[in-house]
Amino acid sequence: MIAFRPARPEDVPAIVALLTEDSMDAAPGTMDGYRAAFADLVADPRNTLLVGERHSRIVATCQLTVISGLSLRAARRMQVESVRVAADLRGQGIGEAMFAEIEARARAAGCSLIQLTMNAARKDAARFYARQGFTASHVGFKRDL
């Protein structure tokens, strides 16, 4: 069984471990930098860093941000970022459980849609998101500063 909850400061090392086991985040920053980013993130009430915990182990994480806007008839949306499930536990329903939790939180926040972006190289993730009912409806662009 997985329990989902907002992350606490003591969870930061476990969250970083989940992020850095992914080849796209494999070059870790400093723990002080991660702790500062965590403090900034949780200071904003529109953000939630969610963790999934099983048997006292952090096995999943994602960042949720509620965004209000004028487009789509003033739709409020839930932006989902940095989705990770421990590599040794993928395929066991943890991701599906996490997205059920995300949907419940989005509905509770008055959101009418959930959106996310992913790196185009993540073919397995694309298949997972499609199974969760997401459609590849937009093309995203990024620019390093």
N, C-alpha and C. Protein backbone atom coordinates (compact mmCIF):
# COMPACT_ATOMS: atom_id res chain seq x y z
N MET A 1 0.84 -1.18 0.00
CA MET A 1 0.00 0.00 0.00
C MET A 1 0.88 1.25 0.00
N ILE A 2 0.48 2.24 -0.75
CA ILE A 2 1.20 3.50 -0.85
C ILE A 2 0.39 4.58 -0.14
N ALA A 3 1.07 5.38 0.65
CA ALA A 3 0.45 6.55 1.28
C ALA A 3 1.06 7.79 0.64
N PHE A 4 0.22 8.69 0.17
CA PHE A 4 0.69 9.93 -0.44
C PHE A 4 0.49 11.07 0.54
N ARG A 5 1.50 11.96 0.57
CA ARG A 5 1.47 13.10 1.49
C ARG A 5 2.40 14.18 0.96
N PRO A 6 2.21 15.42 1.44
CA PRO A 6 3.18 16.46 1.08
C PRO A 6 4.55 16.12 1.67
N ALA A 7 5.58 16.44 0.91
CA ALA A 7 6.95 16.17 1.36
C ALA A 7 7.30 17.05 2.56
N ARG A 8 8.19 16.52 3.37
CA ARG A 8 8.74 17.25 4.52
C ARG A 8 10.23 17.47 4.27
N PRO A 9 10.83 18.42 4.98
CA PRO A 9 12.26 18.69 4.75
C PRO A 9 13.14 17.45 4.85
N GLU A 10 12.83 16.56 5.74
CA GLU A 10 13.67 15.36 5.90
C GLU A 10 13.54 14.39 4.72
N ASP A 11 12.56 14.60 3.84
CA ASP A 11 12.39 13.76 2.66
C ASP A 11 13.28 14.17 1.49
N VAL A 12 13.88 15.34 1.57
CA VAL A 12 14.63 15.88 0.43
C VAL A 12 15.70 14.91 -0.09
N PRO A 13 16.53 14.30 0.74
CA PRO A 13 17.52 13.37 0.19
C PRO A 13 16.90 12.20 -0.58
N ALA A 14 15.80 11.65 -0.10
CA ALA A 14 15.14 10.54 -0.80
C ALA A 14 14.55 11.01 -2.12
N ILE A 15 14.00 12.21 -2.15
CA ILE A 15 13.44 12.76 -3.38
C ILE A 15 14.56 12.99 -4.40
N VAL A 16 15.66 13.55 -3.94
CA VAL A 16 16.81 13.76 -4.83
C VAL A 16 17.31 12.43 -5.37
N ALA A 17 17.32 11.41 -4.54
CA ALA A 17 17.75 10.08 -5.01
C ALA A 17 16.84 9.58 -6.13
N LEU A 18 15.53 9.79 -6.01
CA LEU A 18 14.61 9.39 -7.08
C LEU A 18 14.88 10.19 -8.36
N LEU A 19 15.11 11.49 -8.21
CA LEU A 19 15.36 12.33 -9.37
C LEU A 19 16.66 11.95 -10.07
N THR A 20 17.70 11.68 -9.29
CA THR A 20 19.02 11.44 -9.89
C THR A 20 19.21 10.01 -10.38
N GLU A 21 18.29 9.09 -10.06
CA GLU A 21 18.42 7.77 -10.67
C GLU A 21 17.96 7.79 -12.12
N ASP A 22 17.36 8.90 -12.51
CA ASP A 22 16.94 9.12 -13.89
C ASP A 22 18.11 9.73 -14.65
N SER A 23 18.42 9.21 -15.81
CA SER A 23 19.58 9.68 -16.57
C SER A 23 19.47 11.16 -16.95
N MET A 24 18.27 11.72 -17.02
CA MET A 24 18.12 13.12 -17.40
C MET A 24 18.43 14.06 -16.24
N ASP A 25 18.48 13.53 -15.03
CA ASP A 25 18.81 14.32 -13.84
C ASP A 25 20.03 13.74 -13.13
N ALA A 26 20.83 12.98 -13.85
CA ALA A 26 21.89 12.18 -13.22
C ALA A 26 23.01 13.00 -12.60
N ALA A 27 23.20 14.24 -12.99
CA ALA A 27 24.25 15.06 -12.40
C ALA A 27 23.65 15.87 -11.25
N PRO A 28 23.76 15.37 -10.03
CA PRO A 28 23.08 16.05 -8.92
C PRO A 28 23.71 17.39 -8.57
N GLY A 29 22.88 18.25 -7.99
CA GLY A 29 23.35 19.52 -7.45
C GLY A 29 23.78 19.30 -6.01
N THR A 30 23.94 20.37 -5.27
CA THR A 30 24.33 20.25 -3.87
C THR A 30 23.08 20.08 -3.01
N MET A 31 23.21 19.37 -1.90
CA MET A 31 22.08 19.17 -1.02
C MET A 31 21.59 20.52 -0.47
N ASP A 32 22.52 21.45 -0.23
CA ASP A 32 22.10 22.78 0.22
C ASP A 32 21.22 23.45 -0.84
N GLY A 33 21.56 23.30 -2.10
CA GLY A 33 20.77 23.86 -3.17
C GLY A 33 19.38 23.23 -3.23
N TYR A 34 19.31 21.91 -3.06
CA TYR A 34 18.02 21.23 -3.06
C TYR A 34 17.17 21.66 -1.87
N ARG A 35 17.79 21.80 -0.72
CA ARG A 35 17.04 22.21 0.48
C ARG A 35 16.50 23.64 0.31
N ALA A 36 17.29 24.52 -0.28
CA ALA A 36 16.83 25.89 -0.53
C ALA A 36 15.66 25.89 -1.53
N ALA A 37 15.77 25.08 -2.57
CA ALA A 37 14.69 24.99 -3.55
C ALA A 37 13.42 24.42 -2.91
N PHE A 38 13.59 23.43 -2.05
CA PHE A 38 12.44 22.86 -1.34
C PHE A 38 11.75 23.92 -0.49
N ALA A 39 12.53 24.70 0.26
CA ALA A 39 11.96 25.74 1.11
C ALA A 39 11.19 26.75 0.26
N ASP A 40 11.74 27.13 -0.87
CA ASP A 40 11.07 28.07 -1.76
C ASP A 40 9.78 27.47 -2.31
N LEU A 41 9.84 26.23 -2.71
CA LEU A 41 8.68 25.55 -3.28
C LEU A 41 7.53 25.48 -2.27
N VAL A 42 7.81 25.02 -1.06
CA VAL A 42 6.73 24.85 -0.09
C VAL A 42 6.23 26.19 0.49
N ALA A 43 6.99 27.25 0.30
CA ALA A 43 6.53 28.57 0.76
C ALA A 43 5.40 29.10 -0.11
N ASP A 44 5.27 28.58 -1.31
CA ASP A 44 4.22 29.01 -2.24
C ASP A 44 3.02 28.08 -2.08
N PRO A 45 1.89 28.57 -1.60
CA PRO A 45 0.74 27.69 -1.34
C PRO A 45 0.14 27.04 -2.59
N ARG A 46 0.54 27.51 -3.76
CA ARG A 46 0.04 26.88 -5.00
C ARG A 46 0.83 25.62 -5.35
N ASN A 47 1.94 25.39 -4.67
CA ASN A 47 2.79 24.24 -4.95
C ASN A 47 2.66 23.17 -3.88
N THR A 48 2.74 21.93 -4.32
CA THR A 48 2.85 20.79 -3.42
C THR A 48 3.89 19.84 -3.98
N LEU A 49 4.85 19.48 -3.18
CA LEU A 49 5.77 18.42 -3.55
C LEU A 49 5.22 17.17 -2.87
N LEU A 50 4.72 16.26 -3.67
CA LEU A 50 4.04 15.07 -3.18
C LEU A 50 5.01 13.91 -3.14
N VAL A 51 4.92 13.10 -2.11
CA VAL A 51 5.69 11.86 -2.05
C VAL A 51 4.74 10.69 -1.82
N GLY A 52 5.14 9.55 -2.35
CA GLY A 52 4.46 8.29 -2.08
C GLY A 52 5.38 7.47 -1.20
N GLU A 53 4.84 6.98 -0.12
CA GLU A 53 5.65 6.25 0.86
C GLU A 53 5.08 4.84 1.03
N ARG A 54 5.97 3.86 1.03
CA ARG A 54 5.59 2.47 1.27
C ARG A 54 6.62 1.85 2.20
N HIS A 55 6.16 1.29 3.28
CA HIS A 55 7.05 0.66 4.27
C HIS A 55 8.17 1.61 4.69
N SER A 56 7.80 2.86 4.97
CA SER A 56 8.73 3.92 5.43
C SER A 56 9.76 4.32 4.37
N ARG A 57 9.56 3.94 3.13
CA ARG A 57 10.47 4.31 2.04
C ARG A 57 9.73 5.24 1.08
N ILE A 58 10.39 6.35 0.70
CA ILE A 58 9.85 7.24 -0.33
C ILE A 58 10.07 6.55 -1.67
N VAL A 59 8.98 6.18 -2.35
CA VAL A 59 9.07 5.41 -3.59
C VAL A 59 8.56 6.16 -4.81
N ALA A 60 7.97 7.35 -4.59
CA ALA A 60 7.45 8.13 -5.70
C ALA A 60 7.40 9.60 -5.31
N THR A 61 7.44 10.45 -6.32
CA THR A 61 7.34 11.89 -6.07
C THR A 61 6.83 12.60 -7.31
N CYS A 62 6.27 13.76 -7.11
CA CYS A 62 5.93 14.67 -8.19
C CYS A 62 5.65 16.04 -7.58
N GLN A 63 5.76 17.05 -8.40
CA GLN A 63 5.44 18.41 -7.98
C GLN A 63 4.13 18.81 -8.63
N LEU A 64 3.23 19.37 -7.83
CA LEU A 64 1.93 19.82 -8.31
C LEU A 64 1.84 21.33 -8.14
N THR A 65 1.37 22.02 -9.16
CA THR A 65 1.19 23.47 -9.09
C THR A 65 -0.19 23.81 -9.63
N VAL A 66 -0.96 24.52 -8.84
CA VAL A 66 -2.27 24.99 -9.28
C VAL A 66 -2.06 26.32 -10.00
N ILE A 67 -2.57 26.39 -11.22
CA ILE A 67 -2.42 27.58 -12.06
C ILE A 67 -3.80 28.11 -12.42
N SER A 68 -4.05 29.35 -12.09
CA SER A 68 -5.28 30.01 -12.53
C SER A 68 -4.96 30.78 -13.80
N GLY A 69 -5.90 30.83 -14.71
CA GLY A 69 -5.66 31.55 -15.95
C GLY A 69 -6.96 32.01 -16.58
N LEU A 70 -6.83 32.77 -17.63
CA LEU A 70 -8.00 33.29 -18.33
C LEU A 70 -8.39 32.42 -19.53
N SER A 71 -7.43 31.67 -20.07
CA SER A 71 -7.75 30.85 -21.24
C SER A 71 -8.65 29.68 -20.85
N LEU A 72 -9.26 29.09 -21.84
CA LEU A 72 -10.17 27.96 -21.65
C LEU A 72 -11.27 28.31 -20.65
N ARG A 73 -11.87 29.48 -20.85
CA ARG A 73 -12.97 29.97 -20.00
C ARG A 73 -12.54 30.09 -18.54
N ALA A 74 -11.36 30.66 -18.34
CA ALA A 74 -10.79 30.90 -17.00
C ALA A 74 -10.56 29.60 -16.24
N ALA A 75 -10.05 28.61 -16.95
CA ALA A 75 -9.82 27.29 -16.34
C ALA A 75 -8.69 27.35 -15.32
N ARG A 76 -8.91 26.70 -14.23
CA ARG A 76 -7.83 26.44 -13.26
C ARG A 76 -7.28 25.06 -13.62
N ARG A 77 -5.97 24.95 -13.61
CA ARG A 77 -5.35 23.69 -14.01
C ARG A 77 -4.33 23.23 -12.98
N MET A 78 -4.08 21.95 -12.99
CA MET A 78 -3.04 21.37 -12.16
C MET A 78 -1.88 21.00 -13.08
N GLN A 79 -0.73 21.63 -12.86
CA GLN A 79 0.48 21.31 -13.60
C GLN A 79 1.25 20.25 -12.82
N VAL A 80 1.63 19.17 -13.48
CA VAL A 80 2.36 18.08 -12.84
C VAL A 80 3.77 18.05 -13.40
N GLU A 81 4.75 18.05 -12.52
CA GLU A 81 6.17 18.08 -12.92
C GLU A 81 6.95 17.02 -12.15
N SER A 82 8.09 16.66 -12.67
CA SER A 82 9.08 15.82 -11.98
C SER A 82 8.47 14.54 -11.42
N VAL A 83 7.72 13.85 -12.25
CA VAL A 83 7.10 12.58 -11.85
C VAL A 83 8.18 11.49 -11.83
N ARG A 84 8.29 10.83 -10.70
CA ARG A 84 9.26 9.73 -10.59
C ARG A 84 8.68 8.63 -9.72
N VAL A 85 8.96 7.40 -10.12
CA VAL A 85 8.70 6.20 -9.32
C VAL A 85 10.03 5.46 -9.25
N ALA A 86 10.34 4.93 -8.08
CA ALA A 86 11.59 4.19 -7.91
C ALA A 86 11.73 3.14 -9.01
N ALA A 87 12.90 3.09 -9.63
CA ALA A 87 13.13 2.23 -10.78
C ALA A 87 12.84 0.76 -10.48
N ASP A 88 13.17 0.32 -9.28
CA ASP A 88 12.96 -1.09 -8.95
C ASP A 88 11.50 -1.44 -8.65
N LEU A 89 10.63 -0.44 -8.64
CA LEU A 89 9.22 -0.68 -8.33
C LEU A 89 8.27 -0.30 -9.48
N ARG A 90 8.82 0.09 -10.61
CA ARG A 90 7.96 0.45 -11.74
C ARG A 90 7.20 -0.78 -12.22
N GLY A 91 6.01 -0.52 -12.74
CA GLY A 91 5.18 -1.61 -13.24
C GLY A 91 4.35 -2.29 -12.16
N GLN A 92 4.34 -1.73 -10.96
CA GLN A 92 3.61 -2.34 -9.84
C GLN A 92 2.38 -1.53 -9.43
N GLY A 93 1.98 -0.56 -10.25
CA GLY A 93 0.77 0.21 -9.97
C GLY A 93 0.98 1.47 -9.16
N ILE A 94 2.23 1.78 -8.81
CA ILE A 94 2.49 2.98 -8.01
C ILE A 94 2.17 4.24 -8.80
N GLY A 95 2.57 4.28 -10.05
CA GLY A 95 2.28 5.45 -10.89
C GLY A 95 0.78 5.67 -11.06
N GLU A 96 0.04 4.59 -11.27
CA GLU A 96 -1.41 4.71 -11.40
C GLU A 96 -2.01 5.24 -10.11
N ALA A 97 -1.55 4.73 -8.98
CA ALA A 97 -2.06 5.21 -7.68
C ALA A 97 -1.72 6.69 -7.49
N MET A 98 -0.51 7.09 -7.90
CA MET A 98 -0.12 8.48 -7.76
C MET A 98 -1.01 9.38 -8.62
N PHE A 99 -1.33 8.95 -9.84
CA PHE A 99 -2.18 9.79 -10.68
C PHE A 99 -3.63 9.81 -10.20
N ALA A 100 -4.09 8.78 -9.52
CA ALA A 100 -5.41 8.85 -8.88
C ALA A 100 -5.38 9.90 -7.77
N GLU A 101 -4.29 9.94 -7.01
CA GLU A 101 -4.13 10.95 -5.96
C GLU A 101 -4.04 12.35 -6.56
N ILE A 102 -3.30 12.48 -7.65
CA ILE A 102 -3.18 13.79 -8.33
C ILE A 102 -4.56 14.26 -8.79
N GLU A 103 -5.33 13.37 -9.40
CA GLU A 103 -6.65 13.76 -9.87
C GLU A 103 -7.54 14.19 -8.71
N ALA A 104 -7.50 13.46 -7.61
CA ALA A 104 -8.32 13.83 -6.44
C ALA A 104 -7.91 15.21 -5.92
N ARG A 105 -6.61 15.48 -5.88
CA ARG A 105 -6.13 16.78 -5.41
C ARG A 105 -6.51 17.89 -6.39
N ALA A 106 -6.45 17.60 -7.68
CA ALA A 106 -6.82 18.59 -8.70
C ALA A 106 -8.31 18.94 -8.58
N ARG A 107 -9.13 17.94 -8.42
CA ARG A 107 -10.57 18.19 -8.27
C ARG A 107 -10.84 18.99 -7.00
N ALA A 108 -10.18 18.63 -5.91
CA ALA A 108 -10.38 19.34 -4.64
C ALA A 108 -9.95 20.80 -4.75
N ALA A 109 -8.97 21.09 -5.61
CA ALA A 109 -8.49 22.46 -5.80
C ALA A 109 -9.32 23.23 -6.82
N GLY A 110 -10.36 22.60 -7.36
CA GLY A 110 -11.22 23.28 -8.32
C GLY A 110 -10.66 23.32 -9.72
N CYS A 111 -9.73 22.43 -10.03
CA CYS A 111 -9.13 22.39 -11.37
C CYS A 111 -10.05 21.67 -12.34
N SER A 112 -10.04 22.14 -13.59
CA SER A 112 -10.83 21.49 -14.62
C SER A 112 -9.97 20.67 -15.57
N LEU A 113 -8.65 20.73 -15.39
CA LEU A 113 -7.77 19.89 -16.20
C LEU A 113 -6.44 19.68 -15.49
N ILE A 114 -5.80 18.61 -15.88
CA ILE A 114 -4.45 18.29 -15.41
C ILE A 114 -3.56 18.33 -16.64
N GLN A 115 -2.42 18.99 -16.52
CA GLN A 115 -1.49 19.06 -17.65
C GLN A 115 -0.09 18.71 -17.18
N LEU A 116 0.69 18.22 -18.11
CA LEU A 116 2.09 17.91 -17.81
C LEU A 116 2.88 17.95 -19.09
N THR A 117 4.17 18.10 -18.94
CA THR A 117 5.09 17.98 -20.07
C THR A 117 6.08 16.89 -19.73
N MET A 118 6.71 16.35 -20.74
CA MET A 118 7.74 15.34 -20.54
C MET A 118 8.75 15.45 -21.66
N ASN A 119 9.93 14.98 -21.38
CA ASN A 119 10.96 14.96 -22.40
C ASN A 119 10.56 13.96 -23.48
N ALA A 120 10.68 14.36 -24.73
CA ALA A 120 10.25 13.52 -25.85
C ALA A 120 11.01 12.20 -25.92
N ALA A 121 12.18 12.11 -25.30
CA ALA A 121 12.95 10.87 -25.31
C ALA A 121 12.35 9.80 -24.39
N ARG A 122 11.43 10.16 -23.54
CA ARG A 122 10.86 9.23 -22.56
C ARG A 122 9.68 8.46 -23.16
N LYS A 123 9.98 7.49 -23.97
CA LYS A 123 8.94 6.73 -24.67
C LYS A 123 8.07 5.92 -23.69
N ASP A 124 8.68 5.31 -22.69
CA ASP A 124 7.90 4.55 -21.70
C ASP A 124 6.95 5.48 -20.94
N ALA A 125 7.43 6.66 -20.59
CA ALA A 125 6.58 7.62 -19.88
C ALA A 125 5.41 8.04 -20.77
N ALA A 126 5.66 8.24 -22.05
CA ALA A 126 4.58 8.64 -22.96
C ALA A 126 3.49 7.57 -23.00
N ARG A 127 3.89 6.31 -23.05
CA ARG A 127 2.91 5.22 -23.05
C ARG A 127 2.14 5.19 -21.72
N PHE A 128 2.84 5.41 -20.62
CA PHE A 128 2.19 5.45 -19.31
C PHE A 128 1.16 6.57 -19.25
N TYR A 129 1.53 7.78 -19.67
CA TYR A 129 0.60 8.90 -19.62
C TYR A 129 -0.62 8.66 -20.51
N ALA A 130 -0.41 8.06 -21.66
CA ALA A 130 -1.54 7.74 -22.55
C ALA A 130 -2.49 6.75 -21.85
N ARG A 131 -1.94 5.77 -21.15
CA ARG A 131 -2.79 4.83 -20.41
C ARG A 131 -3.57 5.52 -19.29
N GLN A 132 -3.06 6.65 -18.80
CA GLN A 132 -3.74 7.40 -17.76
C GLN A 132 -4.79 8.36 -18.33
N GLY A 133 -4.93 8.38 -19.64
CA GLY A 133 -5.95 9.21 -20.27
C GLY A 133 -5.45 10.55 -20.79
N PHE A 134 -4.16 10.78 -20.75
CA PHE A 134 -3.59 12.03 -21.27
C PHE A 134 -3.43 11.93 -22.78
N THR A 135 -3.59 13.06 -23.47
CA THR A 135 -3.35 13.11 -24.90
C THR A 135 -2.20 14.07 -25.18
N ALA A 136 -1.43 13.75 -26.18
CA ALA A 136 -0.31 14.62 -26.59
C ALA A 136 -0.90 15.73 -27.45
N SER A 137 -1.41 16.77 -26.80
CA SER A 137 -2.18 17.80 -27.48
C SER A 137 -1.38 19.04 -27.86
N HIS A 138 -0.19 19.21 -27.30
CA HIS A 138 0.57 20.43 -27.53
C HIS A 138 2.04 20.09 -27.82
N VAL A 139 2.72 21.04 -28.39
CA VAL A 139 4.16 20.95 -28.57
C VAL A 139 4.78 21.96 -27.62
N GLY A 140 5.76 21.53 -26.84
CA GLY A 140 6.38 22.43 -25.87
C GLY A 140 7.75 22.88 -26.34
N PHE A 141 8.16 24.03 -25.86
CA PHE A 141 9.47 24.58 -26.17
C PHE A 141 10.12 25.02 -24.86
N LYS A 142 11.42 24.90 -24.79
CA LYS A 142 12.19 25.40 -23.64
C LYS A 142 13.40 26.14 -24.16
N ARG A 143 13.87 27.06 -23.34
CA ARG A 143 15.06 27.81 -23.69
C ARG A 143 15.90 28.01 -22.44
N ASP A 144 17.11 27.54 -22.45
CA ASP A 144 18.00 27.71 -21.31
C ASP A 144 18.37 29.18 -21.17
N LEU A 145 18.48 29.62 -19.93
CA LEU A 145 18.91 30.99 -19.65
C LEU A 145 20.27 30.97 -18.96
